[in-house]
Protein backbone atom coordinates (compact mmCIF):
# COMPACT_ATOMS: atom_id res chain seq x y z
CA MET A 1 -200.38 269.63 137.04
CA THR A 2 -198.19 268.14 134.52
CA LEU A 3 -195.09 266.50 136.68
CA PRO A 4 -191.67 267.51 134.92
CA PRO A 5 -189.68 264.78 133.06
CA ILE A 6 -188.34 262.49 135.80
CA SER A 7 -184.69 262.55 134.41
CA ASP A 8 -184.96 266.56 135.64
CA TRP A 9 -185.14 266.19 139.35
CA TRP A 10 -184.08 262.47 139.94
CA SER A 11 -180.93 263.36 141.05
CA GLY A 12 -181.63 266.09 143.81
CA LEU A 13 -184.26 264.00 145.27
CA SER A 14 -182.42 263.21 148.69
CA GLU A 15 -182.12 259.27 149.37
CA GLU A 16 -185.08 259.71 151.74
CA SER A 17 -187.20 260.87 148.92
CA ARG A 18 -185.65 258.29 146.29
CA ARG A 19 -186.52 255.29 148.62
CA SER A 20 -190.25 256.72 149.20
CA VAL A 21 -190.68 256.46 145.23
CA LEU A 22 -189.15 253.02 144.99
CA ASP A 23 -190.46 251.58 147.96
CA GLY A 24 -194.10 253.24 147.65
CA ASP A 25 -196.99 251.02 147.75
CA SER A 26 -198.46 253.50 145.29
CA PRO A 27 -197.44 255.18 141.78
CA HIS A 28 -198.36 258.81 143.85
CA LEU A 29 -195.40 260.52 145.17
CA ASP A 30 -195.94 261.81 148.46
CA GLU A 31 -195.94 265.46 150.08
CA ASP A 32 -192.12 265.79 150.65
CA VAL A 33 -191.24 264.20 147.70
CA ARG A 34 -193.69 266.58 146.04
CA GLU A 35 -191.66 269.22 147.59
CA GLU A 36 -188.72 268.61 146.86
CA ILE A 37 -189.36 268.12 143.45
CA ARG A 38 -191.17 271.50 143.61
CA VAL A 39 -187.49 273.26 144.90
CA ILE A 40 -185.27 271.37 142.05
CA THR A 41 -187.35 272.34 138.94
CA GLY A 42 -189.31 274.81 140.40
CA ALA A 43 -192.39 273.62 138.94
CA VAL A 44 -196.31 273.31 140.60
CA VAL A 45 -196.89 270.14 141.89
CA GLY A 46 -200.03 268.80 142.03
CA MET A 47 -201.43 267.08 144.94
CA VAL A 48 -201.98 263.92 143.05
CA GLU A 49 -199.29 263.22 141.08
CA SER A 50 -198.12 259.96 140.48
CA LEU A 51 -195.28 258.31 138.16
CA THR A 52 -195.50 256.24 135.05
CA ASP A 53 -194.06 253.11 134.34
CA GLU A 54 -191.56 254.25 132.85
CA ASP A 55 -190.88 257.21 135.36
CA LEU A 56 -190.33 254.05 137.45
CA ASP A 57 -188.32 252.03 135.11
CA TYR A 58 -185.98 255.32 135.11
CA ALA A 59 -185.63 255.40 138.81
CA ARG A 60 -184.78 251.93 139.63
CA ALA A 61 -182.03 251.85 136.88
CA HIS A 62 -180.33 255.01 138.51
CA ALA A 63 -180.94 254.18 142.33
CA GLU A 64 -178.93 251.12 140.95
CA LYS A 65 -176.11 252.95 139.39
CA THR A 66 -176.02 255.46 142.15
CA ALA A 67 -175.29 252.16 144.72
CA ASP A 68 -172.44 251.02 142.46
């Protein structure tokens, strides 16, 4: 499975899921985050989806914008 681009779903994630992504010890997404991405995008999200370094950079940059 391929994770949809983070720009397609990041803004729709709940605050809790955003925290999970940013504070997680692993690049793998937990079940709740994967489910939210599935609902937001309609994509089939696999059990072992992980974020790239570029995805994490995007998340960090956009988290700072929403904190302002």
